[in-house]
């Protein structure tokens, strides 16, 4: 068995150990974990790791019914200032 890390959030390369440590520090919601670790903030926007974060909360003793979904935000992209400026000029 190897000692390689288990990535809970592949997009942001957040390990399961980092998430469980955040829970041990008092982060008790998926949004708390997201803010503390960046899990769920990658390109997939939490599609793959939200359930894994919920599983970690359940393992820490939370009831499954009490776990709320992660706050959803639309994905953003980098836009050059010149593009924004040309859109506002009329």
N, C-alpha and C. Protein backbone atom coordinates (compact mmCIF):
# COMPACT_ATOMS: atom_id res chain seq x y z
N UNK A 1 0.84 -1.18 0.00
CA UNK A 1 0.00 0.00 0.00
C UNK A 1 0.88 1.24 0.00
N UNK A 2 0.59 2.19 -0.86
CA UNK A 2 1.42 3.39 -0.96
C UNK A 2 0.91 4.46 0.01
N UNK A 3 1.77 5.42 0.27
CA UNK A 3 1.42 6.53 1.14
C UNK A 3 1.04 7.77 0.35
N UNK A 4 0.62 7.58 -0.89
CA UNK A 4 0.25 8.73 -1.71
C UNK A 4 -1.05 9.34 -1.18
N UNK A 5 -1.20 10.66 -1.32
CA UNK A 5 -2.39 11.32 -0.77
C UNK A 5 -3.66 10.92 -1.50
N UNK A 6 -4.76 10.96 -0.80
CA UNK A 6 -6.07 10.71 -1.39
C UNK A 6 -6.70 12.07 -1.65
N UNK A 7 -6.89 12.39 -2.93
CA UNK A 7 -7.46 13.68 -3.29
C UNK A 7 -8.97 13.62 -3.25
N UNK A 8 -9.54 14.41 -2.37
CA UNK A 8 -10.99 14.51 -2.29
C UNK A 8 -11.49 15.45 -3.38
N UNK A 9 -10.78 16.56 -3.59
CA UNK A 9 -11.10 17.52 -4.66
C UNK A 9 -9.93 17.51 -5.64
N UNK A 10 -10.16 16.89 -6.79
CA UNK A 10 -9.09 16.76 -7.77
C UNK A 10 -8.75 18.08 -8.44
N UNK A 11 -9.76 18.91 -8.67
CA UNK A 11 -9.51 20.18 -9.36
C UNK A 11 -8.57 21.09 -8.58
N UNK A 12 -8.77 21.18 -7.28
CA UNK A 12 -7.95 22.05 -6.44
C UNK A 12 -6.86 21.29 -5.69
N UNK A 13 -6.78 19.97 -5.91
CA UNK A 13 -5.79 19.11 -5.27
C UNK A 13 -5.87 19.20 -3.74
N UNK A 14 -7.09 19.08 -3.23
CA UNK A 14 -7.33 19.10 -1.78
C UNK A 14 -7.46 17.66 -1.31
N UNK A 15 -6.66 17.30 -0.32
CA UNK A 15 -6.66 15.93 0.16
C UNK A 15 -7.78 15.69 1.17
N UNK A 16 -8.12 14.43 1.31
CA UNK A 16 -9.11 14.03 2.32
C UNK A 16 -8.62 14.40 3.72
N UNK A 17 -7.31 14.24 3.96
CA UNK A 17 -6.75 14.61 5.27
C UNK A 17 -6.95 16.09 5.56
N UNK A 18 -6.81 16.92 4.54
CA UNK A 18 -6.99 18.37 4.74
C UNK A 18 -8.44 18.69 5.09
N UNK A 19 -9.38 18.00 4.46
CA UNK A 19 -10.80 18.22 4.74
C UNK A 19 -11.14 17.74 6.15
N UNK A 20 -10.65 16.56 6.52
CA UNK A 20 -10.95 16.07 7.87
C UNK A 20 -10.31 16.95 8.93
N UNK A 21 -9.15 17.53 8.64
CA UNK A 21 -8.52 18.47 9.57
C UNK A 21 -9.36 19.73 9.71
N UNK A 22 -9.92 20.20 8.60
CA UNK A 22 -10.78 21.40 8.64
C UNK A 22 -12.03 21.13 9.49
N UNK A 23 -12.57 19.93 9.38
CA UNK A 23 -13.74 19.56 10.18
C UNK A 23 -13.35 19.51 11.66
N UNK A 24 -12.19 18.95 11.95
CA UNK A 24 -11.72 18.87 13.34
C UNK A 24 -11.48 20.26 13.93
N UNK A 25 -11.16 21.25 13.07
CA UNK A 25 -10.96 22.63 13.52
C UNK A 25 -12.27 23.37 13.75
N UNK A 26 -13.40 22.72 13.46
CA UNK A 26 -14.69 23.33 13.73
C UNK A 26 -15.52 23.71 12.52
N UNK A 27 -15.07 23.42 11.35
CA UNK A 27 -15.83 23.72 10.14
C UNK A 27 -16.89 22.62 9.98
N UNK A 28 -18.16 22.99 10.13
CA UNK A 28 -19.22 22.00 10.24
C UNK A 28 -20.21 21.98 9.09
N UNK A 29 -19.95 22.73 8.03
CA UNK A 29 -20.82 22.69 6.85
C UNK A 29 -19.95 22.54 5.61
N UNK A 30 -20.58 22.16 4.53
CA UNK A 30 -19.84 22.05 3.26
C UNK A 30 -19.31 23.42 2.85
N UNK A 31 -20.10 24.48 3.07
CA UNK A 31 -19.62 25.82 2.75
C UNK A 31 -18.44 26.23 3.61
N UNK A 32 -18.45 25.85 4.90
CA UNK A 32 -17.30 26.13 5.77
C UNK A 32 -16.05 25.44 5.24
N UNK A 33 -16.20 24.17 4.87
CA UNK A 33 -15.06 23.41 4.34
C UNK A 33 -14.57 24.05 3.05
N UNK A 34 -15.50 24.46 2.20
CA UNK A 34 -15.15 25.09 0.93
C UNK A 34 -14.33 26.36 1.17
N UNK A 35 -14.79 27.20 2.10
CA UNK A 35 -14.07 28.44 2.38
C UNK A 35 -12.71 28.18 3.01
N UNK A 36 -12.60 27.18 3.85
CA UNK A 36 -11.35 26.89 4.56
C UNK A 36 -10.32 26.22 3.65
N UNK A 37 -10.77 25.34 2.76
CA UNK A 37 -9.82 24.51 2.01
C UNK A 37 -9.79 24.76 0.50
N UNK A 38 -10.81 25.42 -0.07
CA UNK A 38 -11.00 25.61 -1.51
C UNK A 38 -11.57 24.37 -2.20
N UNK A 39 -11.88 23.33 -1.46
CA UNK A 39 -12.53 22.16 -2.07
C UNK A 39 -13.86 22.61 -2.65
N UNK A 40 -14.14 22.23 -3.88
CA UNK A 40 -15.38 22.62 -4.53
C UNK A 40 -15.29 23.90 -5.32
N UNK A 41 -14.13 24.53 -5.36
CA UNK A 41 -13.97 25.80 -6.08
C UNK A 41 -13.25 25.63 -7.42
N UNK A 42 -13.00 24.41 -7.83
CA UNK A 42 -12.28 24.18 -9.08
C UNK A 42 -13.19 24.22 -10.29
N UNK A 43 -12.67 23.75 -11.40
CA UNK A 43 -13.41 23.80 -12.66
C UNK A 43 -14.73 23.05 -12.62
N UNK A 44 -14.80 21.97 -11.85
CA UNK A 44 -16.04 21.19 -11.82
C UNK A 44 -17.08 21.79 -10.89
N UNK A 45 -16.69 22.82 -10.11
CA UNK A 45 -17.61 23.50 -9.19
C UNK A 45 -18.25 22.55 -8.18
N UNK A 46 -17.49 21.55 -7.73
CA UNK A 46 -17.94 20.66 -6.67
C UNK A 46 -18.75 19.46 -7.11
N UNK A 47 -18.86 19.23 -8.41
CA UNK A 47 -19.65 18.10 -8.90
C UNK A 47 -19.12 16.78 -8.33
N UNK A 48 -17.81 16.66 -8.25
CA UNK A 48 -17.22 15.39 -7.81
C UNK A 48 -16.93 15.34 -6.31
N UNK A 49 -16.69 16.47 -5.67
CA UNK A 49 -16.23 16.42 -4.28
C UNK A 49 -17.29 16.78 -3.24
N UNK A 50 -18.41 17.33 -3.63
CA UNK A 50 -19.42 17.72 -2.64
C UNK A 50 -19.90 16.51 -1.84
N UNK A 51 -20.19 15.41 -2.50
CA UNK A 51 -20.64 14.22 -1.79
C UNK A 51 -19.55 13.68 -0.88
N UNK A 52 -18.30 13.77 -1.31
CA UNK A 52 -17.19 13.30 -0.48
C UNK A 52 -17.04 14.17 0.77
N UNK A 53 -17.25 15.50 0.62
CA UNK A 53 -17.21 16.37 1.79
C UNK A 53 -18.34 16.01 2.75
N UNK A 54 -19.53 15.73 2.21
CA UNK A 54 -20.66 15.33 3.05
C UNK A 54 -20.35 14.02 3.78
N UNK A 55 -19.71 13.08 3.09
CA UNK A 55 -19.32 11.81 3.73
C UNK A 55 -18.37 12.06 4.90
N UNK A 56 -17.45 12.99 4.73
CA UNK A 56 -16.51 13.31 5.82
C UNK A 56 -17.26 13.90 7.01
N UNK A 57 -18.26 14.74 6.74
CA UNK A 57 -19.06 15.32 7.83
C UNK A 57 -19.84 14.23 8.56
N UNK A 58 -20.39 13.29 7.80
CA UNK A 58 -21.13 12.17 8.41
C UNK A 58 -20.20 11.32 9.28
N UNK A 59 -19.01 11.05 8.76
CA UNK A 59 -18.03 10.28 9.54
C UNK A 59 -17.64 11.01 10.82
N UNK A 60 -17.72 12.35 10.81
CA UNK A 60 -17.39 13.15 11.99
C UNK A 60 -18.56 13.24 12.97
N UNK A 61 -19.69 12.62 12.61
CA UNK A 61 -20.80 12.55 13.55
C UNK A 61 -22.05 13.34 13.20
N UNK A 62 -22.03 14.04 12.06
CA UNK A 62 -23.23 14.79 11.68
C UNK A 62 -24.29 13.85 11.11
N UNK A 63 -25.54 14.22 11.32
CA UNK A 63 -26.65 13.47 10.75
C UNK A 63 -26.77 13.84 9.27
N UNK A 64 -26.99 12.88 8.40
CA UNK A 64 -27.11 13.19 6.96
C UNK A 64 -28.19 14.22 6.65
N UNK A 65 -29.29 14.21 7.41
CA UNK A 65 -30.39 15.16 7.14
C UNK A 65 -29.99 16.61 7.42
N UNK A 66 -28.98 16.81 8.27
CA UNK A 66 -28.61 18.17 8.66
C UNK A 66 -27.61 18.81 7.71
N UNK A 67 -27.10 18.06 6.75
CA UNK A 67 -26.09 18.59 5.84
C UNK A 67 -26.76 19.29 4.67
N UNK A 68 -26.49 20.59 4.57
CA UNK A 68 -27.08 21.40 3.49
C UNK A 68 -26.16 21.38 2.28
N UNK A 69 -26.74 21.56 1.08
CA UNK A 69 -25.90 21.57 -0.12
C UNK A 69 -24.99 22.80 -0.16
N UNK A 70 -23.94 22.69 -0.94
CA UNK A 70 -23.02 23.80 -1.11
C UNK A 70 -23.70 24.94 -1.84
N UNK A 71 -23.36 26.16 -1.47
CA UNK A 71 -23.88 27.33 -2.17
C UNK A 71 -23.35 27.31 -3.60
N UNK A 72 -24.24 27.47 -4.55
CA UNK A 72 -23.86 27.40 -5.95
C UNK A 72 -23.51 28.79 -6.47
N UNK A 73 -22.47 28.88 -7.23
CA UNK A 73 -22.06 30.13 -7.89
C UNK A 73 -21.81 29.81 -9.36
N UNK A 74 -22.22 30.71 -10.24
CA UNK A 74 -21.92 30.45 -11.65
C UNK A 74 -20.41 30.51 -11.88
N UNK A 75 -19.90 29.66 -12.77
CA UNK A 75 -18.46 29.71 -13.06
C UNK A 75 -18.08 31.05 -13.69
N UNK A 76 -16.87 31.46 -13.44
CA UNK A 76 -16.39 32.72 -14.02
C UNK A 76 -15.24 32.43 -14.96
N UNK A 77 -14.95 33.38 -15.80
CA UNK A 77 -13.81 33.26 -16.69
C UNK A 77 -13.04 34.57 -16.69
N UNK A 78 -11.78 34.45 -17.04
CA UNK A 78 -10.95 35.63 -17.15
C UNK A 78 -11.34 36.37 -18.42
N UNK A 79 -11.58 37.66 -18.28
CA UNK A 79 -11.95 38.50 -19.42
C UNK A 79 -11.01 39.69 -19.43
N UNK A 80 -10.49 40.01 -20.60
CA UNK A 80 -9.60 41.16 -20.71
C UNK A 80 -10.38 42.45 -20.49
N UNK A 81 -9.75 43.41 -19.85
CA UNK A 81 -10.39 44.68 -19.56
C UNK A 81 -10.84 45.37 -20.85
N UNK A 82 -10.08 45.22 -21.90
CA UNK A 82 -10.43 45.84 -23.18
C UNK A 82 -11.77 45.32 -23.70
N UNK A 83 -12.06 44.05 -23.47
CA UNK A 83 -13.33 43.48 -23.91
C UNK A 83 -14.48 44.09 -23.11
N UNK A 84 -14.29 44.20 -21.81
CA UNK A 84 -15.33 44.80 -20.97
C UNK A 84 -15.53 46.26 -21.36
N UNK A 85 -14.46 46.97 -21.60
CA UNK A 85 -14.54 48.38 -21.97
C UNK A 85 -15.26 48.56 -23.29
N UNK A 86 -15.02 47.68 -24.25
CA UNK A 86 -15.68 47.81 -25.55
C UNK A 86 -17.18 47.51 -25.44
N UNK A 87 -17.57 46.68 -24.48
CA UNK A 87 -18.98 46.37 -24.26
C UNK A 87 -19.72 47.54 -23.63
N UNK A 88 -19.03 48.35 -22.84
CA UNK A 88 -19.70 49.45 -22.14
C UNK A 88 -19.75 50.71 -22.98
N UNK A 89 -18.93 50.81 -24.01
CA UNK A 89 -18.94 51.98 -24.89
C UNK A 89 -20.11 51.87 -25.87
N UNK A 90 -20.87 52.91 -25.95
CA UNK A 90 -21.97 52.91 -26.93
C UNK A 90 -22.06 54.19 -27.68
